Amino acid sequence: MIKNSKVLSLAEVKEKLEKQEETERIKQISDYLNKFSKLDYKDAIKLQEELRKLDVVKLRERHIVKIIDLLPEDAEDLHKIFVGEDVSLDQNEIEKILNVIKKYK
């Protein structure tokens, strides 16, 4: 039974898996995370905090996690995170988000 759920970035999942007993499945997942996770845990948490502080009302936790995982480089890449959702960021919000991301590339 699932009691609660929380959206986690790839870096956060990687950190949690490091504390687990290593099995073949854990090793496969870790290999995947090492290949696709772009930030280490500490930087992912810092970026998450900075994105929250921007106080962009339309930006939900699931969007922040996707931003951390994908590290979009421009407005077009950033907009792809919101495909299929009713989210429209103005140019100022886009610039604020991209400027924060640039610190972590």
N, C-alpha and C. Protein backbone atom coordinates (compact mmCIF):
# COMPACT_ATOMS: atom_id res chain seq x y z
N MET A 1 0.83 -1.17 0.00
CA MET A 1 0.00 0.00 0.00
C MET A 1 0.89 1.24 0.00
N ILE A 2 0.59 2.17 -0.87
CA ILE A 2 1.32 3.43 -0.94
C ILE A 2 0.65 4.41 0.02
N LYS A 3 1.42 4.90 0.98
CA LYS A 3 0.88 5.84 1.96
C LYS A 3 1.03 7.28 1.50
N ASN A 4 2.13 7.57 0.81
CA ASN A 4 2.32 8.90 0.24
C ASN A 4 3.31 8.81 -0.92
N SER A 5 3.39 9.84 -1.68
CA SER A 5 4.33 9.85 -2.79
C SER A 5 5.00 11.21 -2.87
N LYS A 6 6.22 11.20 -3.39
CA LYS A 6 6.99 12.42 -3.53
C LYS A 6 7.78 12.31 -4.84
N VAL A 7 7.79 13.36 -5.60
CA VAL A 7 8.54 13.39 -6.85
C VAL A 7 10.01 13.58 -6.51
N LEU A 8 10.87 12.72 -7.07
CA LEU A 8 12.30 12.78 -6.80
C LEU A 8 13.08 12.98 -8.09
N SER A 9 14.14 13.74 -8.00
CA SER A 9 15.03 13.89 -9.15
C SER A 9 15.89 12.63 -9.28
N LEU A 10 16.52 12.47 -10.42
CA LEU A 10 17.40 11.32 -10.61
C LEU A 10 18.52 11.32 -9.57
N ALA A 11 19.06 12.49 -9.25
CA ALA A 11 20.13 12.60 -8.26
C ALA A 11 19.65 12.14 -6.87
N GLU A 12 18.41 12.46 -6.53
CA GLU A 12 17.86 12.04 -5.24
C GLU A 12 17.66 10.53 -5.20
N VAL A 13 17.19 9.96 -6.29
CA VAL A 13 17.02 8.51 -6.36
C VAL A 13 18.37 7.82 -6.23
N LYS A 14 19.35 8.36 -6.93
CA LYS A 14 20.71 7.81 -6.87
C LYS A 14 21.24 7.82 -5.43
N GLU A 15 21.03 8.91 -4.73
CA GLU A 15 21.46 9.02 -3.33
C GLU A 15 20.77 7.97 -2.45
N LYS A 16 19.49 7.78 -2.65
CA LYS A 16 18.74 6.79 -1.85
C LYS A 16 19.18 5.37 -2.17
N LEU A 17 19.48 5.09 -3.42
CA LEU A 17 19.90 3.74 -3.80
C LEU A 17 21.26 3.36 -3.23
N GLU A 18 22.11 4.36 -3.03
CA GLU A 18 23.44 4.09 -2.49
C GLU A 18 23.36 3.49 -1.08
N LYS A 19 22.25 3.71 -0.42
CA LYS A 19 22.07 3.19 0.95
C LYS A 19 21.45 1.80 0.95
N GLN A 20 21.07 1.30 -0.23
CA GLN A 20 20.41 0.00 -0.33
C GLN A 20 21.43 -1.11 -0.53
N GLU A 21 21.04 -2.30 -0.13
CA GLU A 21 21.88 -3.47 -0.38
C GLU A 21 21.96 -3.68 -1.90
N GLU A 22 23.17 -3.92 -2.39
CA GLU A 22 23.33 -4.04 -3.83
C GLU A 22 22.83 -5.39 -4.34
N THR A 23 21.92 -5.30 -5.25
CA THR A 23 21.41 -6.48 -5.96
C THR A 23 21.63 -6.23 -7.45
N GLU A 24 21.35 -7.19 -8.26
CA GLU A 24 21.53 -7.01 -9.71
C GLU A 24 20.61 -5.89 -10.22
N ARG A 25 19.40 -5.86 -9.71
CA ARG A 25 18.44 -4.83 -10.14
C ARG A 25 18.90 -3.43 -9.70
N ILE A 26 19.39 -3.32 -8.48
CA ILE A 26 19.90 -2.03 -7.97
C ILE A 26 21.09 -1.59 -8.82
N LYS A 27 21.95 -2.54 -9.19
CA LYS A 27 23.11 -2.21 -10.02
C LYS A 27 22.66 -1.69 -11.39
N GLN A 28 21.65 -2.30 -11.97
CA GLN A 28 21.14 -1.84 -13.26
C GLN A 28 20.57 -0.43 -13.17
N ILE A 29 19.82 -0.19 -12.12
CA ILE A 29 19.23 1.15 -11.91
C ILE A 29 20.34 2.17 -11.69
N SER A 30 21.34 1.81 -10.89
CA SER A 30 22.46 2.72 -10.62
C SER A 30 23.22 3.05 -11.90
N ASP A 31 23.41 2.05 -12.75
CA ASP A 31 24.08 2.30 -14.04
C ASP A 31 23.29 3.31 -14.87
N TYR A 32 21.98 3.13 -14.90
CA TYR A 32 21.11 4.06 -15.62
C TYR A 32 21.23 5.47 -15.04
N LEU A 33 21.17 5.57 -13.72
CA LEU A 33 21.24 6.88 -13.06
C LEU A 33 22.59 7.54 -13.30
N ASN A 34 23.67 6.77 -13.26
CA ASN A 34 25.00 7.32 -13.53
C ASN A 34 25.10 7.86 -14.95
N LYS A 35 24.41 7.20 -15.86
CA LYS A 35 24.45 7.60 -17.26
C LYS A 35 23.63 8.88 -17.52
N PHE A 36 22.48 9.00 -16.88
CA PHE A 36 21.55 10.08 -17.21
C PHE A 36 21.43 11.20 -16.18
N SER A 37 21.87 10.99 -14.97
CA SER A 37 21.79 12.04 -13.96
C SER A 37 22.88 13.07 -14.24
N LYS A 38 22.49 14.32 -14.39
CA LYS A 38 23.43 15.36 -14.79
C LYS A 38 24.06 16.09 -13.60
N LEU A 39 23.45 15.98 -12.43
CA LEU A 39 23.95 16.67 -11.25
C LEU A 39 24.18 15.69 -10.12
N ASP A 40 25.09 16.04 -9.22
CA ASP A 40 25.21 15.23 -8.02
C ASP A 40 24.11 15.67 -7.04
N TYR A 41 23.97 14.92 -5.98
CA TYR A 41 22.88 15.13 -5.03
C TYR A 41 22.88 16.54 -4.45
N LYS A 42 24.04 17.02 -4.00
CA LYS A 42 24.11 18.33 -3.36
C LYS A 42 23.72 19.46 -4.31
N ASP A 43 24.21 19.39 -5.54
CA ASP A 43 23.86 20.42 -6.51
C ASP A 43 22.38 20.34 -6.89
N ALA A 44 21.84 19.13 -6.98
CA ALA A 44 20.42 18.98 -7.30
C ALA A 44 19.55 19.63 -6.22
N ILE A 45 19.92 19.43 -4.97
CA ILE A 45 19.16 20.02 -3.86
C ILE A 45 19.29 21.54 -3.87
N LYS A 46 20.49 22.05 -4.14
CA LYS A 46 20.70 23.50 -4.21
C LYS A 46 19.87 24.11 -5.33
N LEU A 47 19.91 23.47 -6.50
CA LEU A 47 19.13 23.97 -7.63
C LEU A 47 17.63 23.93 -7.31
N GLN A 48 17.19 22.87 -6.69
CA GLN A 48 15.79 22.76 -6.30
C GLN A 48 15.38 23.92 -5.39
N GLU A 49 16.21 24.23 -4.42
CA GLU A 49 15.92 25.33 -3.50
C GLU A 49 15.89 26.67 -4.23
N GLU A 50 16.83 26.88 -5.14
CA GLU A 50 16.87 28.14 -5.88
C GLU A 50 15.65 28.30 -6.78
N LEU A 51 15.24 27.22 -7.40
CA LEU A 51 14.05 27.29 -8.27
C LEU A 51 12.80 27.58 -7.45
N ARG A 52 12.72 27.01 -6.27
CA ARG A 52 11.57 27.30 -5.40
C ARG A 52 11.55 28.76 -4.98
N LYS A 53 12.72 29.32 -4.70
CA LYS A 53 12.83 30.71 -4.25
C LYS A 53 12.43 31.71 -5.33
N LEU A 54 12.45 31.28 -6.57
CA LEU A 54 12.03 32.18 -7.65
C LEU A 54 10.58 32.58 -7.52
N ASP A 55 9.83 31.76 -6.81
CA ASP A 55 8.41 32.03 -6.55
C ASP A 55 7.61 32.21 -7.85
N VAL A 56 7.88 31.29 -8.80
CA VAL A 56 7.09 31.24 -10.03
C VAL A 56 5.87 30.39 -9.70
N VAL A 57 4.72 31.03 -9.61
CA VAL A 57 3.50 30.39 -9.14
C VAL A 57 3.13 29.16 -9.96
N LYS A 58 3.35 29.22 -11.25
CA LYS A 58 2.94 28.12 -12.14
C LYS A 58 3.86 26.91 -12.05
N LEU A 59 5.02 27.07 -11.43
CA LEU A 59 6.03 26.02 -11.35
C LEU A 59 5.73 25.08 -10.18
N ARG A 60 5.34 23.87 -10.49
CA ARG A 60 5.02 22.85 -9.49
C ARG A 60 6.27 22.01 -9.19
N GLU A 61 6.19 21.24 -8.12
CA GLU A 61 7.33 20.41 -7.72
C GLU A 61 7.73 19.44 -8.84
N ARG A 62 6.76 18.87 -9.54
CA ARG A 62 7.09 17.93 -10.62
C ARG A 62 7.84 18.64 -11.75
N HIS A 63 7.54 19.92 -11.98
CA HIS A 63 8.25 20.69 -13.00
C HIS A 63 9.69 20.96 -12.56
N ILE A 64 9.85 21.30 -11.30
CA ILE A 64 11.19 21.56 -10.77
C ILE A 64 12.06 20.33 -10.90
N VAL A 65 11.51 19.17 -10.57
CA VAL A 65 12.27 17.93 -10.67
C VAL A 65 12.66 17.65 -12.12
N LYS A 66 11.77 17.87 -13.05
CA LYS A 66 12.09 17.67 -14.47
C LYS A 66 13.16 18.65 -14.93
N ILE A 67 13.09 19.88 -14.45
CA ILE A 67 14.12 20.87 -14.79
C ILE A 67 15.48 20.39 -14.29
N ILE A 68 15.52 19.86 -13.07
CA ILE A 68 16.77 19.36 -12.51
C ILE A 68 17.30 18.18 -13.33
N ASP A 69 16.42 17.28 -13.72
CA ASP A 69 16.83 16.10 -14.48
C ASP A 69 17.29 16.45 -15.89
N LEU A 70 16.64 17.41 -16.52
CA LEU A 70 16.92 17.70 -17.93
C LEU A 70 17.86 18.89 -18.16
N LEU A 71 17.93 19.80 -17.20
CA LEU A 71 18.73 21.03 -17.31
C LEU A 71 18.57 21.68 -18.69
N PRO A 72 17.38 22.18 -18.99
CA PRO A 72 17.14 22.79 -20.29
C PRO A 72 18.07 23.98 -20.53
N GLU A 73 18.50 24.11 -21.78
CA GLU A 73 19.47 25.15 -22.13
C GLU A 73 18.84 26.42 -22.66
N ASP A 74 17.61 26.32 -23.16
CA ASP A 74 16.97 27.50 -23.73
C ASP A 74 15.46 27.42 -23.50
N ALA A 75 14.77 28.46 -23.93
CA ALA A 75 13.33 28.55 -23.71
C ALA A 75 12.59 27.39 -24.38
N GLU A 76 13.02 27.00 -25.56
CA GLU A 76 12.37 25.89 -26.27
C GLU A 76 12.46 24.60 -25.46
N ASP A 77 13.65 24.30 -24.94
CA ASP A 77 13.82 23.10 -24.11
C ASP A 77 12.98 23.18 -22.84
N LEU A 78 12.93 24.36 -22.25
CA LEU A 78 12.15 24.55 -21.04
C LEU A 78 10.66 24.32 -21.31
N HIS A 79 10.17 24.82 -22.42
CA HIS A 79 8.75 24.65 -22.76
C HIS A 79 8.38 23.18 -22.95
N LYS A 80 9.31 22.35 -23.37
CA LYS A 80 9.04 20.93 -23.58
C LYS A 80 8.63 20.24 -22.27
N ILE A 81 9.07 20.74 -21.16
CA ILE A 81 8.72 20.16 -19.86
C ILE A 81 7.23 20.34 -19.59
N PHE A 82 6.63 21.35 -20.16
CA PHE A 82 5.24 21.68 -19.89
C PHE A 82 4.27 21.21 -20.97
N VAL A 83 4.75 20.43 -21.93
CA VAL A 83 3.88 19.92 -23.00
C VAL A 83 2.75 19.10 -22.39
N GLY A 84 1.56 19.36 -22.84
CA GLY A 84 0.40 18.63 -22.35
C GLY A 84 -0.19 19.17 -21.06
N GLU A 85 0.39 20.23 -20.55
CA GLU A 85 -0.11 20.86 -19.33
C GLU A 85 -0.56 22.28 -19.64
N ASP A 86 -1.40 22.79 -18.82
CA ASP A 86 -1.89 24.15 -19.01
C ASP A 86 -0.99 25.13 -18.26
N VAL A 87 0.27 25.20 -18.69
CA VAL A 87 1.24 26.07 -18.04
C VAL A 87 1.86 26.96 -19.12
N SER A 88 1.84 28.24 -18.88
CA SER A 88 2.42 29.19 -19.81
C SER A 88 3.27 30.18 -19.02
N LEU A 89 4.57 30.10 -19.23
CA LEU A 89 5.48 31.01 -18.53
C LEU A 89 5.71 32.25 -19.39
N ASP A 90 5.80 33.40 -18.73
CA ASP A 90 6.14 34.61 -19.48
C ASP A 90 7.66 34.69 -19.66
N GLN A 91 8.10 35.60 -20.48
CA GLN A 91 9.53 35.70 -20.81
C GLN A 91 10.38 35.97 -19.57
N ASN A 92 9.90 36.77 -18.66
CA ASN A 92 10.63 37.08 -17.43
C ASN A 92 10.84 35.81 -16.59
N GLU A 93 9.80 35.01 -16.45
CA GLU A 93 9.89 33.76 -15.68
C GLU A 93 10.86 32.79 -16.34
N ILE A 94 10.80 32.71 -17.65
CA ILE A 94 11.72 31.83 -18.39
C ILE A 94 13.16 32.24 -18.16
N GLU A 95 13.42 33.53 -18.27
CA GLU A 95 14.79 34.04 -18.08
C GLU A 95 15.29 33.77 -16.66
N LYS A 96 14.43 33.98 -15.66
CA LYS A 96 14.83 33.72 -14.28
C LYS A 96 15.21 32.25 -14.10
N ILE A 97 14.41 31.35 -14.63
CA ILE A 97 14.67 29.91 -14.49
C ILE A 97 15.97 29.54 -15.21
N LEU A 98 16.13 30.00 -16.44
CA LEU A 98 17.33 29.66 -17.21
C LEU A 98 18.60 30.22 -16.57
N ASN A 99 18.51 31.41 -15.97
CA ASN A 99 19.68 32.00 -15.31
C ASN A 99 20.10 31.17 -14.10
N VAL A 100 19.15 30.63 -13.38
CA VAL A 100 19.48 29.77 -12.24
C VAL A 100 20.12 28.48 -12.74
N ILE A 101 19.58 27.89 -13.79
CA ILE A 101 20.11 26.63 -14.33
C ILE A 101 21.55 26.80 -14.79
N LYS A 102 21.86 27.94 -15.40
CA LYS A 102 23.21 28.17 -15.93
C LYS A 102 24.29 28.03 -14.86
N LYS A 103 23.97 28.33 -13.62
CA LYS A 103 24.94 28.20 -12.52
C LYS A 103 25.39 26.76 -12.30
N TYR A 104 24.58 25.80 -12.73
CA TYR A 104 24.82 24.40 -12.41
C TYR A 104 25.29 23.58 -13.61
N LYS A 105 25.53 24.22 -14.73
CA LYS A 105 25.98 23.50 -15.92
C LYS A 105 27.48 23.40 -15.93
